[in-house]
Amino acid sequence: MILLSIVSQTFKTGAKMNKKQLVAKLAGSLNQSKADAERTFDTITNTILDALKNDDSVKIAGFGTYKVAKRKARIGRNPRTGEQIQIAASQKVKFLPAKALKEVFNK
C-alpha cells in the first residue's frame, strides 16, 4: 500500500511533510508527473470531503476511517471571568487509525 509506506517512511525519520512534498513522493511512486499526481491527490481529498459533507464516513482499509462527529450545544465557562457562556453545536472531522497503521508506529 503506497500511502501507508509513504506515511511510515516519513514519520520514521521524524520529518514533516506538506502537500507539495507528498505530491512529489506520490509522483515518484506512481511514475507520474507532479501535475498528474497533484490532480490525483486533489481528486482523492475532494472525494473524501464530499463524502464527509454528506455525513458519510470514509473507510480506507489498512489506513483508517474519517467521519464527522457532532457536538451538542452546551454551557461552558469563560476561564478569565468564570462567567457562563453558551457554546454552539458544532461538527468536527475525526480520524480513527486502522490496526495496520497503529502497528507501524507500535512495533
C-alpha atoms as a PDB file:
ATOM      1  CA  MET A   1       0.000   0.000   0.000  1.00  0.00           C
ATOM      2  CA  ILE A   2       1.676   3.150  -1.278  1.00  0.00           C
ATOM      3  CA  LEU A   3       0.119   5.639   1.143  1.00  0.00           C
ATOM      4  CA  LEU A   4       0.963   3.562   4.213  1.00  0.00           C
ATOM      5  CA  SER A   5       4.584   3.164   3.102  1.00  0.00           C
ATOM      6  CA  ILE A   6       4.936   6.917   2.470  1.00  0.00           C
ATOM      7  CA  VAL A   7       3.473   7.712   5.895  1.00  0.00           C
ATOM      8  CA  SER A   8       5.672   5.207   7.712  1.00  0.00           C
ATOM      9  CA  GLN A   9       8.851   6.373   5.922  1.00  0.00           C
ATOM     10  CA  THR A  10       8.115   9.996   6.743  1.00  0.00           C
ATOM     11  CA  PHE A  11       7.440   9.510  10.437  1.00  0.00           C
ATOM     12  CA  LYS A  12      10.350   7.136  10.998  1.00  0.00           C
ATOM     13  CA  THR A  13      12.706   9.940  10.015  1.00  0.00           C
ATOM     14  CA  GLY A  14      10.865  12.493  12.147  1.00  0.00           C
ATOM     15  CA  ALA A  15      10.323  14.787   9.155  1.00  0.00           C
ATOM     16  CA  LYS A  16       7.205  16.810   8.483  1.00  0.00           C
ATOM     17  CA  MET A  17       5.586  16.579   5.094  1.00  0.00           C
ATOM     18  CA  ASN A  18       3.463  19.201   3.351  1.00  0.00           C
ATOM     19  CA  LYS A  19       1.217  18.758   0.321  1.00  0.00           C
ATOM     20  CA  LYS A  20       3.951  19.611  -2.183  1.00  0.00           C
ATOM     21  CA  GLN A  21       6.304  17.009  -0.715  1.00  0.00           C
ATOM     22  CA  LEU A  22       3.560  14.378  -0.534  1.00  0.00           C
ATOM     23  CA  VAL A  23       2.653  15.001  -4.184  1.00  0.00           C
ATOM     24  CA  ALA A  24       6.328  14.656  -5.162  1.00  0.00           C
ATOM     25  CA  LYS A  25       6.542  11.275  -3.374  1.00  0.00           C
ATOM     26  CA  LEU A  26       3.288  10.136  -4.994  1.00  0.00           C
ATOM     27  CA  ALA A  27       4.591  11.160  -8.409  1.00  0.00           C
ATOM     28  CA  GLY A  28       7.724   9.089  -7.868  1.00  0.00           C
ATOM     29  CA  SER A  29       5.832   6.069  -6.521  1.00  0.00           C
ATOM     30  CA  LEU A  30       3.243   6.108  -9.302  1.00  0.00           C
ATOM     31  CA  ASN A  31       5.651   7.074 -12.117  1.00  0.00           C
ATOM     32  CA  GLN A  32       3.505  10.120 -12.887  1.00  0.00           C
ATOM     33  CA  SER A  33       4.294  13.763 -13.434  1.00  0.00           C
ATOM     34  CA  LYS A  34       3.902  16.006 -10.407  1.00  0.00           C
ATOM     35  CA  ALA A  35       0.922  17.691 -12.092  1.00  0.00           C
ATOM     36  CA  ASP A  36      -0.831  14.338 -12.597  1.00  0.00           C
ATOM     37  CA  ALA A  37      -0.014  13.273  -9.039  1.00  0.00           C
ATOM     38  CA  GLU A  38      -1.398  16.557  -7.704  1.00  0.00           C
ATOM     39  CA  ARG A  39      -4.633  16.096  -9.688  1.00  0.00           C
ATOM     40  CA  THR A  40      -4.883  12.560  -8.295  1.00  0.00           C
ATOM     41  CA  PHE A  41      -4.277  13.817  -4.751  1.00  0.00           C
ATOM     42  CA  ASP A  42      -6.825  16.647  -5.148  1.00  0.00           C
ATOM     43  CA  THR A  43      -9.402  14.220  -6.535  1.00  0.00           C
ATOM     44  CA  ILE A  44      -8.946  11.895  -3.562  1.00  0.00           C
ATOM     45  CA  THR A  45      -9.151  14.675  -0.976  1.00  0.00           C
ATOM     46  CA  ASN A  46     -12.175  16.267  -2.671  1.00  0.00           C
ATOM     47  CA  THR A  47     -13.932  12.893  -2.795  1.00  0.00           C
ATOM     48  CA  ILE A  48     -13.303  12.417   0.935  1.00  0.00           C
ATOM     49  CA  LEU A  49     -14.524  15.958   1.690  1.00  0.00           C
ATOM     50  CA  ASP A  50     -17.683  15.480  -0.393  1.00  0.00           C
ATOM     51  CA  ALA A  51     -18.468  12.246   1.444  1.00  0.00           C
ATOM     52  CA  LEU A  52     -17.937  13.916   4.832  1.00  0.00           C
ATOM     53  CA  LYS A  53     -20.132  16.869   3.820  1.00  0.00           C
ATOM     54  CA  ASN A  54     -22.879  14.341   3.031  1.00  0.00           C
ATOM     55  CA  ASP A  55     -22.486  12.878   6.535  1.00  0.00           C
ATOM     56  CA  ASP A  56     -20.878   9.675   5.221  1.00  0.00           C
ATOM     57  CA  SER A  57     -17.795   8.094   6.746  1.00  0.00           C
ATOM     58  CA  VAL A  58     -14.809   7.135   4.602  1.00  0.00           C
ATOM     59  CA  LYS A  59     -13.058   3.889   5.464  1.00  0.00           C
ATOM     60  CA  ILE A  60      -9.695   3.172   3.854  1.00  0.00           C
ATOM     61  CA  ALA A  61      -8.693  -0.410   4.604  1.00  0.00           C
ATOM     62  CA  GLY A  62      -5.339  -0.617   6.357  1.00  0.00           C
ATOM     63  CA  PHE A  63      -5.207   3.147   6.892  1.00  0.00           C
ATOM     64  CA  GLY A  64      -8.216   4.378   8.852  1.00  0.00           C
ATOM     65  CA  THR A  65     -11.664   5.935   8.908  1.00  0.00           C
ATOM     66  CA  TYR A  66     -12.675   9.570   8.531  1.00  0.00           C
ATOM     67  CA  LYS A  67     -16.030  10.540   9.990  1.00  0.00           C
ATOM     68  CA  VAL A  68     -17.920  13.602  11.150  1.00  0.00           C
ATOM     69  CA  ALA A  69     -18.504  13.889  14.884  1.00  0.00           C
ATOM     70  CA  LYS A  70     -21.308  16.146  16.054  1.00  0.00           C
ATOM     71  CA  ARG A  71     -21.003  18.059  19.306  1.00  0.00           C
ATOM     72  CA  LYS A  72     -24.139  19.225  21.077  1.00  0.00           C
ATOM     73  CA  ALA A  73     -24.610  22.792  22.249  1.00  0.00           C
ATOM     74  CA  ARG A  74     -23.513  23.184  25.830  1.00  0.00           C
ATOM     75  CA  ILE A  75     -22.780  25.667  28.562  1.00  0.00           C
ATOM     76  CA  GLY A  76     -19.156  26.441  29.296  1.00  0.00           C
ATOM     77  CA  ARG A  77     -17.249  28.908  31.433  1.00  0.00           C
ATOM     78  CA  ASN A  78     -15.056  31.811  30.496  1.00  0.00           C
ATOM     79  CA  PRO A  79     -11.767  30.934  32.248  1.00  0.00           C
ATOM     80  CA  ARG A  80     -10.953  34.593  32.984  1.00  0.00           C
ATOM     81  CA  THR A  81     -14.234  35.733  34.432  1.00  0.00           C
ATOM     82  CA  GLY A  82     -15.896  32.477  35.418  1.00  0.00           C
ATOM     83  CA  GLU A  83     -18.999  33.683  33.573  1.00  0.00           C
ATOM     84  CA  GLN A  84     -21.182  31.023  31.944  1.00  0.00           C
ATOM     85  CA  ILE A  85     -21.262  31.122  28.149  1.00  0.00           C
ATOM     86  CA  GLN A  86     -23.304  29.256  25.584  1.00  0.00           C
ATOM     87  CA  ILE A  87     -21.152  27.119  23.271  1.00  0.00           C
ATOM     88  CA  ALA A  88     -22.893  26.448  19.965  1.00  0.00           C
ATOM     89  CA  ALA A  89     -23.307  22.981  18.491  1.00  0.00           C
ATOM     90  CA  SER A  90     -20.502  22.117  16.088  1.00  0.00           C
ATOM     91  CA  GLN A  91     -19.099  19.399  13.893  1.00  0.00           C
ATOM     92  CA  LYS A  92     -15.546  18.180  13.513  1.00  0.00           C
ATOM     93  CA  VAL A  93     -13.785  15.583  11.438  1.00  0.00           C
ATOM     94  CA  LYS A  94     -12.405  12.595  13.336  1.00  0.00           C
ATOM     95  CA  PHE A  95      -9.795  10.192  12.066  1.00  0.00           C
ATOM     96  CA  LEU A  96      -9.667   6.718  13.571  1.00  0.00           C
ATOM     97  CA  PRO A  97      -6.479   4.896  12.550  1.00  0.00           C
ATOM     98  CA  ALA A  98      -6.742   1.306  11.368  1.00  0.00           C
ATOM     99  CA  LYS A  99      -4.965  -1.515  13.180  1.00  0.00           C
ATOM    100  CA  ALA A 100      -2.325  -1.754  10.424  1.00  0.00           C
ATOM    101  CA  LEU A 101      -1.482   1.947  10.759  1.00  0.00           C
ATOM    102  CA  LYS A 102      -1.221   1.693  14.536  1.00  0.00           C
ATOM    103  CA  GLU A 103       1.115  -1.283  14.200  1.00  0.00           C
ATOM    104  CA  VAL A 104       3.512   0.747  12.026  1.00  0.00           C
ATOM    105  CA  PHE A 105       4.151   3.028  14.998  1.00  0.00           C
ATOM    106  CA  ASN A 106       3.961   0.484  17.809  1.00  0.00           C
ATOM    107  CA  LYS A 107       6.485  -2.113  16.708  1.00  0.00           C
END
